[in-house]
Amino acid sequence: AVAAEAGRRAMARIGARTVPSARVPVIMHPDTAATWLAEIYQAFSGEAVLKQSSWLTGKLGQAIATPRVTIVDDGRLRGGVGSQPCDGEGVTTRRNTLVDRGRLAMFTYDTYTARRAGTRSSGSATRSYSSVPGIGYHNLFIEAGTETPAAILARVDRGFYMDDQGSSGFNEVTGDYSFQAQGFWIEKGEKVFPVEGVTVASTSLEMLGNITAVGNDLAFDDHVSSPTLLIAEMTVSGAG
């Protein structure tokens, strides 16, 4: 199945070309959206907040995304790849809702950073056999919405479907997002030709605030998962 999907994607790339630079809606394939979600997790770390190196510092309790967006890290998710009874320090894991219907609901802590912040561990310590504990995720995901990927595609009159990316330019301190991208150009709700040689850019706060549709295609096949996302506007830099 993996080989068949790889072959299908490779064939779909034949004849790929660039497009003129524009600000357009961008649909993120679940794989691409999950990669972005893994990048932004650092901003929810209590350690980054204590160091004031998080672009979410000072925003606890505020709306940072559209109400469609709920972000969860669930260490007890049934069948989850990262599920376990205790974290890297032996603290019981739990379901942590980081963003609740658009509102920044919490930051995550291990024991050390929780003590410094005057709070309790969120069961978010991770470690390997050879490392000291640090803050990390177990099963991180954006909750599924109600729209099918086909319905989300049909929404877009002119835009970009991003299903792969190359070199990154993500800034953990500011949340600035800039990636080389591949995918398909969209016209009148349909993919019309493959695209490569472009860069997709925005800031993570703008992206969260511009999510206008969340797909129903969430699949828990890794530590980080996301459904299809439609972001109302991003900069696609291509030819000219």
C-alpha atoms as a PDB file:
ATOM      1  CA  ALA A   1       0.000   0.000   0.000  1.00  0.00           C
ATOM      2  CA  VAL A   2       2.861   2.374   0.823  1.00  0.00           C
ATOM      3  CA  ALA A   3       4.603   1.614  -2.475  1.00  0.00           C
ATOM      4  CA  ALA A   4       1.378   2.093  -4.426  1.00  0.00           C
ATOM      5  CA  GLU A   5       0.765   5.477  -2.804  1.00  0.00           C
ATOM      6  CA  ALA A   6       4.381   6.542  -3.450  1.00  0.00           C
ATOM      7  CA  GLY A   7       4.000   5.572  -7.103  1.00  0.00           C
ATOM      8  CA  ARG A   8       0.726   7.447  -7.424  1.00  0.00           C
ATOM      9  CA  ARG A   9       2.259  10.603  -5.972  1.00  0.00           C
ATOM     10  CA  ALA A  10       5.326  10.344  -8.221  1.00  0.00           C
ATOM     11  CA  MET A  11       3.169   9.977 -11.345  1.00  0.00           C
ATOM     12  CA  ALA A  12       1.061  12.951 -10.295  1.00  0.00           C
ATOM     13  CA  ARG A  13       4.216  15.125 -10.237  1.00  0.00           C
ATOM     14  CA  ILE A  14       4.912  14.673 -13.970  1.00  0.00           C
ATOM     15  CA  GLY A  15       4.795  18.031 -15.731  1.00  0.00           C
ATOM     16  CA  ALA A  16       5.017  20.071 -12.524  1.00  0.00           C
ATOM     17  CA  ARG A  17       5.689  23.774 -12.951  1.00  0.00           C
ATOM     18  CA  THR A  18       5.855  26.961 -10.905  1.00  0.00           C
ATOM     19  CA  VAL A  19       3.150  29.626 -10.635  1.00  0.00           C
ATOM     20  CA  PRO A  20       3.196  33.433 -10.313  1.00  0.00           C
ATOM     21  CA  SER A  21       3.564  34.813  -6.795  1.00  0.00           C
ATOM     22  CA  ALA A  22       0.240  35.505  -5.103  1.00  0.00           C
ATOM     23  CA  ARG A  23      -1.633  35.494  -1.796  1.00  0.00           C
ATOM     24  CA  VAL A  24      -4.164  32.710  -2.101  1.00  0.00           C
ATOM     25  CA  PRO A  25      -5.983  30.087  -0.020  1.00  0.00           C
ATOM     26  CA  VAL A  26      -3.834  27.048   0.802  1.00  0.00           C
ATOM     27  CA  ILE A  27      -5.118  23.560   1.517  1.00  0.00           C
ATOM     28  CA  MET A  28      -2.713  21.536   3.647  1.00  0.00           C
ATOM     29  CA  HIS A  29      -2.650  17.770   3.176  1.00  0.00           C
ATOM     30  CA  PRO A  30      -2.785  15.980   6.572  1.00  0.00           C
ATOM     31  CA  ASP A  31       0.916  15.025   6.348  1.00  0.00           C
ATOM     32  CA  THR A  32       1.948  18.644   5.745  1.00  0.00           C
ATOM     33  CA  ALA A  33      -0.390  19.981   8.425  1.00  0.00           C
ATOM     34  CA  ALA A  34       0.991  17.461  10.933  1.00  0.00           C
ATOM     35  CA  THR A  35       4.542  18.606  10.202  1.00  0.00           C
ATOM     36  CA  TRP A  36       3.525  22.209  10.891  1.00  0.00           C
ATOM     37  CA  LEU A  37       1.786  21.140  14.108  1.00  0.00           C
ATOM     38  CA  ALA A  38       4.971  19.429  15.300  1.00  0.00           C
ATOM     39  CA  GLU A  39       6.907  22.637  14.552  1.00  0.00           C
ATOM     40  CA  ILE A  40       4.582  24.884  16.557  1.00  0.00           C
ATOM     41  CA  TYR A  41       4.446  22.597  19.605  1.00  0.00           C
ATOM     42  CA  GLN A  42       7.569  24.238  21.048  1.00  0.00           C
ATOM     43  CA  ALA A  43       5.550  27.438  21.544  1.00  0.00           C
ATOM     44  CA  PHE A  44       3.299  25.569  24.019  1.00  0.00           C
ATOM     45  CA  SER A  45       6.272  24.486  26.133  1.00  0.00           C
ATOM     46  CA  GLY A  46       6.359  25.989  29.616  1.00  0.00           C
ATOM     47  CA  GLU A  47      10.140  26.177  29.344  1.00  0.00           C
ATOM     48  CA  ALA A  48       9.912  28.387  26.239  1.00  0.00           C
ATOM     49  CA  VAL A  49       7.367  30.590  27.989  1.00  0.00           C
ATOM     50  CA  LEU A  50       9.592  30.961  31.068  1.00  0.00           C
ATOM     51  CA  LYS A  51      12.461  31.970  28.783  1.00  0.00           C
ATOM     52  CA  GLN A  52      10.113  34.295  26.846  1.00  0.00           C
ATOM     53  CA  SER A  53      11.191  32.560  23.668  1.00  0.00           C
ATOM     54  CA  SER A  54       7.663  31.497  22.685  1.00  0.00           C
ATOM     55  CA  TRP A  55       5.468  33.498  20.330  1.00  0.00           C
ATOM     56  CA  LEU A  56       2.569  32.527  22.624  1.00  0.00           C
ATOM     57  CA  THR A  57       4.050  34.224  25.703  1.00  0.00           C
ATOM     58  CA  GLY A  58       1.406  36.389  27.378  1.00  0.00           C
ATOM     59  CA  LYS A  59      -1.485  34.936  25.360  1.00  0.00           C
ATOM     60  CA  LEU A  60      -2.833  32.352  27.828  1.00  0.00           C
ATOM     61  CA  GLY A  61      -6.630  32.487  27.812  1.00  0.00           C
ATOM     62  CA  GLN A  62      -6.741  34.515  24.605  1.00  0.00           C
ATOM     63  CA  ALA A  63      -8.134  33.515  21.211  1.00  0.00           C
ATOM     64  CA  ILE A  64      -5.188  32.561  19.010  1.00  0.00           C
ATOM     65  CA  ALA A  65      -7.065  30.552  16.371  1.00  0.00           C
ATOM     66  CA  THR A  66     -10.501  30.275  14.801  1.00  0.00           C
ATOM     67  CA  PRO A  67     -13.143  28.464  16.886  1.00  0.00           C
ATOM     68  CA  ARG A  68     -12.810  25.496  14.519  1.00  0.00           C
ATOM     69  CA  VAL A  69      -9.399  24.678  15.993  1.00  0.00           C
ATOM     70  CA  THR A  70      -8.853  22.436  19.005  1.00  0.00           C
ATOM     71  CA  ILE A  71      -5.335  21.099  19.606  1.00  0.00           C
ATOM     72  CA  VAL A  72      -4.814  18.172  21.968  1.00  0.00           C
ATOM     73  CA  ASP A  73      -1.898  16.155  23.305  1.00  0.00           C
ATOM     74  CA  ASP A  74      -3.343  12.923  24.701  1.00  0.00           C
ATOM     75  CA  GLY A  75      -0.976  10.545  26.458  1.00  0.00           C
ATOM     76  CA  ARG A  76      -3.852   8.127  27.119  1.00  0.00           C
ATOM     77  CA  LEU A  77      -5.285   7.966  23.586  1.00  0.00           C
ATOM     78  CA  ARG A  78      -6.581   4.457  22.990  1.00  0.00           C
ATOM     79  CA  GLY A  79      -4.276   2.776  20.460  1.00  0.00           C
ATOM     80  CA  GLY A  80      -2.155   5.910  20.094  1.00  0.00           C
ATOM     81  CA  VAL A  81       1.434   5.544  18.898  1.00  0.00           C
ATOM     82  CA  GLY A  82       2.682   7.641  21.825  1.00  0.00           C
ATOM     83  CA  SER A  83       0.272   6.418  24.499  1.00  0.00           C
ATOM     84  CA  GLN A  84       1.762   5.337  27.810  1.00  0.00           C
ATOM     85  CA  PRO A  85       0.602   5.319  31.447  1.00  0.00           C
ATOM     86  CA  CYS A  86       3.409   7.574  32.724  1.00  0.00           C
ATOM     87  CA  ASP A  87       5.653  10.217  31.230  1.00  0.00           C
ATOM     88  CA  GLY A  88       9.462  10.294  31.290  1.00  0.00           C
ATOM     89  CA  GLU A  89       9.483  11.228  34.979  1.00  0.00           C
ATOM     90  CA  GLY A  90       6.869   8.718  36.143  1.00  0.00           C
ATOM     91  CA  VAL A  91       4.062  11.299  36.276  1.00  0.00           C
ATOM     92  CA  THR A  92       0.684   9.975  35.135  1.00  0.00           C
ATOM     93  CA  THR A  93      -0.086  10.992  31.560  1.00  0.00           C
ATOM     94  CA  ARG A  94      -3.369  12.674  30.671  1.00  0.00           C
ATOM     95  CA  ARG A  95      -5.285  14.447  27.937  1.00  0.00           C
ATOM     96  CA  ASN A  96      -4.005  18.024  27.629  1.00  0.00           C
ATOM     97  CA  THR A  97      -6.136  20.423  25.585  1.00  0.00           C
ATOM     98  CA  LEU A  98      -3.691  23.086  24.416  1.00  0.00           C
ATOM     99  CA  VAL A  99      -6.106  25.088  22.266  1.00  0.00           C
ATOM    100  CA  ASP A 100      -9.819  24.820  23.068  1.00  0.00           C
ATOM    101  CA  ARG A 101     -12.011  26.007  20.197  1.00  0.00           C
ATOM    102  CA  GLY A 102      -9.501  28.683  19.311  1.00  0.00           C
ATOM    103  CA  ARG A 103      -8.547  29.751  22.847  1.00  0.00           C
ATOM    104  CA  LEU A 104      -5.052  29.116  24.237  1.00  0.00           C
ATOM    105  CA  ALA A 105      -5.996  26.916  27.186  1.00  0.00           C
ATOM    106  CA  MET A 106      -2.662  25.800  28.693  1.00  0.00           C
ATOM    107  CA  PHE A 107       1.070  25.306  28.398  1.00  0.00           C
ATOM    108  CA  THR A 108       2.825  21.993  29.001  1.00  0.00           C
ATOM    109  CA  TYR A 109       5.320  21.259  31.780  1.00  0.00           C
ATOM    110  CA  ASP A 110       7.674  18.679  33.145  1.00  0.00           C
ATOM    111  CA  THR A 111       8.381  18.639  36.885  1.00  0.00           C
ATOM    112  CA  TYR A 112      11.295  21.093  36.790  1.00  0.00           C
ATOM    113  CA  THR A 113       9.620  23.778  34.673  1.00  0.00           C
ATOM    114  CA  ALA A 114       6.340  23.344  36.564  1.00  0.00           C
ATOM    115  CA  ARG A 115       8.112  24.050  39.847  1.00  0.00           C
ATOM    116  CA  ARG A 116       9.695  27.181  38.382  1.00  0.00           C
ATOM    117  CA  ALA A 117       6.321  28.344  37.051  1.00  0.00           C
ATOM    118  CA  GLY A 118       4.497  27.629  40.293  1.00  0.00           C
ATOM    119  CA  THR A 119       2.239  24.974  38.819  1.00  0.00           C
ATOM    120  CA  ARG A 120       2.105  21.177  38.403  1.00  0.00           C
ATOM    121  CA  SER A 121       3.531  18.894  35.746  1.00  0.00           C
ATOM    122  CA  SER A 122       1.158  18.221  32.847  1.00  0.00           C
ATOM    123  CA  GLY A 123       2.623  14.731  32.377  1.00  0.00           C
ATOM    124  CA  SER A 124       4.579  15.993  29.378  1.00  0.00           C
ATOM    125  CA  ALA A 125       8.115  14.877  30.228  1.00  0.00           C
ATOM    126  CA  THR A 126       9.823  12.820  27.539  1.00  0.00           C
ATOM    127  CA  ARG A 127      13.238  11.192  27.520  1.00  0.00           C
ATOM    128  CA  SER A 128      15.334   8.473  25.952  1.00  0.00           C
ATOM    129  CA  TYR A 129      17.459   5.954  27.825  1.00  0.00           C
ATOM    130  CA  SER A 130      20.462   8.292  27.538  1.00  0.00           C
ATOM    131  CA  SER A 131      18.941  11.741  28.119  1.00  0.00           C
ATOM    132  CA  VAL A 132      17.535  13.825  30.937  1.00  0.00           C
ATOM    133  CA  PRO A 133      13.795  14.622  30.777  1.00  0.00           C
ATOM    134  CA  GLY A 134      12.487  17.467  28.657  1.00  0.00           C
ATOM    135  CA  ILE A 135       9.058  18.691  27.567  1.00  0.00           C
ATOM    136  CA  GLY A 136       7.512  16.836  24.642  1.00  0.00           C
ATOM    137  CA  TYR A 137       4.291  15.402  23.241  1.00  0.00           C
ATOM    138  CA  HIS A 138       2.713  11.943  23.290  1.00  0.00           C
ATOM    139  CA  ASN A 139      -0.154  11.970  20.757  1.00  0.00           C
ATOM    140  CA  LEU A 140      -0.438  15.515  19.404  1.00  0.00           C
ATOM    141  CA  PHE A 141      -3.301  16.305  17.032  1.00  0.00           C
ATOM    142  CA  ILE A 142      -5.824  18.808  15.740  1.00  0.00           C
ATOM    143  CA  GLU A 143      -9.321  17.504  16.369  1.00  0.00           C
ATOM    144  CA  ALA A 144     -11.228  16.477  13.252  1.00  0.00           C
ATOM    145  CA  GLY A 145     -13.873  18.706  11.732  1.00  0.00           C
ATOM    146  CA  THR A 146     -16.958  17.756   9.753  1.00  0.00           C
ATOM    147  CA  GLU A 147     -16.046  18.494   6.123  1.00  0.00           C
ATOM    148  CA  THR A 148     -14.682  15.952   3.678  1.00  0.00           C
ATOM    149  CA  PRO A 149     -11.429  16.767   1.845  1.00  0.00           C
ATOM    150  CA  ALA A 150     -13.432  16.884  -1.405  1.00  0.00           C
ATOM    151  CA  ALA A 151     -15.810  19.473   0.051  1.00  0.00           C
ATOM    152  CA  ILE A 152     -12.873  21.567   1.253  1.00  0.00           C
ATOM    153  CA  LEU A 153     -11.295  21.431  -2.218  1.00  0.00           C
ATOM    154  CA  ALA A 154     -14.585  22.523  -3.778  1.00  0.00           C
ATOM    155  CA  ARG A 155     -14.536  25.667  -1.609  1.00  0.00           C
ATOM    156  CA  VAL A 156     -11.410  27.049  -3.311  1.00  0.00           C
ATOM    157  CA  ASP A 157     -11.903  29.041  -6.502  1.00  0.00           C
ATOM    158  CA  ARG A 158      -8.194  29.728  -6.982  1.00  0.00           C
ATOM    159  CA  GLY A 159      -5.429  28.507  -4.701  1.00  0.00           C
ATOM    160  CA  PHE A 160      -2.770  25.958  -3.828  1.00  0.00           C
ATOM    161  CA  TYR A 161      -3.013  22.402  -2.510  1.00  0.00           C
ATOM    162  CA  MET A 162       0.184  21.692  -0.554  1.00  0.00           C
ATOM    163  CA  ASP A 163       0.987  18.016  -0.095  1.00  0.00           C
ATOM    164  CA  ASP A 164       4.782  18.005   0.271  1.00  0.00           C
ATOM    165  CA  GLN A 165       7.553  20.315   1.416  1.00  0.00           C
ATOM    166  CA  GLY A 166      11.295  20.733   1.219  1.00  0.00           C
ATOM    167  CA  SER A 167      13.768  23.004   2.999  1.00  0.00           C
ATOM    168  CA  SER A 168      12.342  24.699   6.054  1.00  0.00           C
ATOM    169  CA  GLY A 169      12.560  28.175   7.446  1.00  0.00           C
ATOM    170  CA  PHE A 170      10.508  27.788  10.609  1.00  0.00           C
ATOM    171  CA  ASN A 171      11.378  30.175  13.446  1.00  0.00           C
ATOM    172  CA  GLU A 172      10.450  28.721  16.857  1.00  0.00           C
ATOM    173  CA  VAL A 173      10.692  32.109  18.586  1.00  0.00           C
ATOM    174  CA  THR A 174       8.499  34.143  16.204  1.00  0.00           C
ATOM    175  CA  GLY A 175       6.448  31.353  14.612  1.00  0.00           C
ATOM    176  CA  ASP A 176       7.385  32.546  11.114  1.00  0.00           C
ATOM    177  CA  TYR A 177       6.663  29.810   8.568  1.00  0.00           C
ATOM    178  CA  SER A 178       8.395  29.494   5.192  1.00  0.00           C
ATOM    179  CA  PHE A 179       8.780  26.202   3.316  1.00  0.00           C
ATOM    180  CA  GLN A 180       9.624  25.084  -0.176  1.00  0.00           C
ATOM    181  CA  ALA A 181       6.474  23.366  -1.339  1.00  0.00           C
ATOM    182  CA  GLN A 182       5.010  20.987  -3.874  1.00  0.00           C
ATOM    183  CA  GLY A 183       1.420  20.241  -4.673  1.00  0.00           C
ATOM    184  CA  PHE A 184      -1.272  21.277  -7.133  1.00  0.00           C
ATOM    185  CA  TRP A 185      -2.776  24.478  -8.419  1.00  0.00           C
ATOM    186  CA  ILE A 186      -6.506  24.767  -7.828  1.00  0.00           C
ATOM    187  CA  GLU A 187      -8.994  26.393 -10.168  1.00  0.00           C
ATOM    188  CA  LYS A 188     -12.751  26.351  -9.523  1.00  0.00           C
ATOM    189  CA  GLY A 189     -12.516  23.634  -6.909  1.00  0.00           C
ATOM    190  CA  GLU A 190     -10.336  21.229  -8.899  1.00  0.00           C
ATOM    191  CA  LYS A 191      -6.630  20.375  -9.046  1.00  0.00           C
ATOM    192  CA  VAL A 192      -5.603  21.482 -12.533  1.00  0.00           C
ATOM    193  CA  PHE A 193      -1.827  20.870 -12.680  1.00  0.00           C
ATOM    194  CA  PRO A 194       1.081  19.875 -10.409  1.00  0.00           C
ATOM    195  CA  VAL A 195       3.234  22.631  -8.893  1.00  0.00           C
ATOM    196  CA  GLU A 196       6.830  22.744  -7.690  1.00  0.00           C
ATOM    197  CA  GLY A 197       9.477  25.430  -7.260  1.00  0.00           C
ATOM    198  CA  VAL A 198       7.382  27.612  -4.956  1.00  0.00           C
ATOM    199  CA  THR A 199       7.665  28.769  -1.353  1.00  0.00           C
ATOM    200  CA  VAL A 200       4.677  29.014   0.974  1.00  0.00           C
ATOM    201  CA  ALA A 201       4.997  31.559   3.782  1.00  0.00           C
ATOM    202  CA  SER A 202       3.058  33.172   6.632  1.00  0.00           C
ATOM    203  CA  THR A 203       3.226  33.367  10.414  1.00  0.00           C
ATOM    204  CA  SER A 204       1.822  30.631  12.616  1.00  0.00           C
ATOM    205  CA  LEU A 205      -0.530  33.034  14.412  1.00  0.00           C
ATOM    206  CA  GLU A 206      -1.946  34.194  11.079  1.00  0.00           C
ATOM    207  CA  MET A 207      -2.285  30.587   9.934  1.00  0.00           C
ATOM    208  CA  LEU A 208      -4.148  29.577  13.093  1.00  0.00           C
ATOM    209  CA  GLY A 209      -6.393  32.611  12.756  1.00  0.00           C
ATOM    210  CA  ASN A 210      -7.110  31.893   9.091  1.00  0.00           C
ATOM    211  CA  ILE A 211      -8.125  28.227   9.309  1.00  0.00           C
ATOM    212  CA  THR A 212     -11.537  28.292   7.642  1.00  0.00           C
ATOM    213  CA  ALA A 213     -12.132  24.533   7.315  1.00  0.00           C
ATOM    214  CA  VAL A 214     -10.988  21.400   9.153  1.00  0.00           C
ATOM    215  CA  GLY A 215     -11.384  18.017   7.493  1.00  0.00           C
ATOM    216  CA  ASN A 216     -12.974  14.868   8.859  1.00  0.00           C
ATOM    217  CA  ASP A 217     -10.005  12.743   7.745  1.00  0.00           C
ATOM    218  CA  LEU A 218      -7.956  12.633  10.965  1.00  0.00           C
ATOM    219  CA  ALA A 219      -5.967   9.375  11.203  1.00  0.00           C
ATOM    220  CA  PHE A 220      -3.762   8.475  14.162  1.00  0.00           C
ATOM    221  CA  ASP A 221      -0.818   6.930  12.329  1.00  0.00           C
ATOM    222  CA  ASP A 222       2.035   8.785  14.057  1.00  0.00           C
ATOM    223  CA  HIS A 223       2.857  10.752  17.211  1.00  0.00           C
ATOM    224  CA  VAL A 224       1.553  13.891  15.451  1.00  0.00           C
ATOM    225  CA  SER A 225      -1.619  13.867  13.343  1.00  0.00           C
ATOM    226  CA  SER A 226      -3.865  16.360  11.610  1.00  0.00           C
ATOM    227  CA  PRO A 227      -6.846  16.372   9.285  1.00  0.00           C
ATOM    228  CA  THR A 228      -6.887  18.388   6.059  1.00  0.00           C
ATOM    229  CA  LEU A 229      -6.759  22.139   6.763  1.00  0.00           C
ATOM    230  CA  LEU A 230      -7.879  25.081   4.650  1.00  0.00           C
ATOM    231  CA  ILE A 231      -6.022  28.310   5.426  1.00  0.00           C
ATOM    232  CA  ALA A 232      -7.760  31.350   3.963  1.00  0.00           C
ATOM    233  CA  GLU A 233      -4.619  33.139   2.761  1.00  0.00           C
ATOM    234  CA  MET A 234      -0.868  32.519   2.556  1.00  0.00           C
ATOM    235  CA  THR A 235       1.879  33.863   0.352  1.00  0.00           C
ATOM    236  CA  VAL A 236       2.832  31.494  -2.461  1.00  0.00           C
ATOM    237  CA  SER A 237       6.062  32.781  -4.006  1.00  0.00           C
ATOM    238  CA  GLY A 238       6.854  31.396  -7.429  1.00  0.00           C
ATOM    239  CA  ALA A 239       7.788  32.840 -10.807  1.00  0.00           C
ATOM    240  CA  GLY A 240       7.646  36.612 -10.821  1.00  0.00           C
END
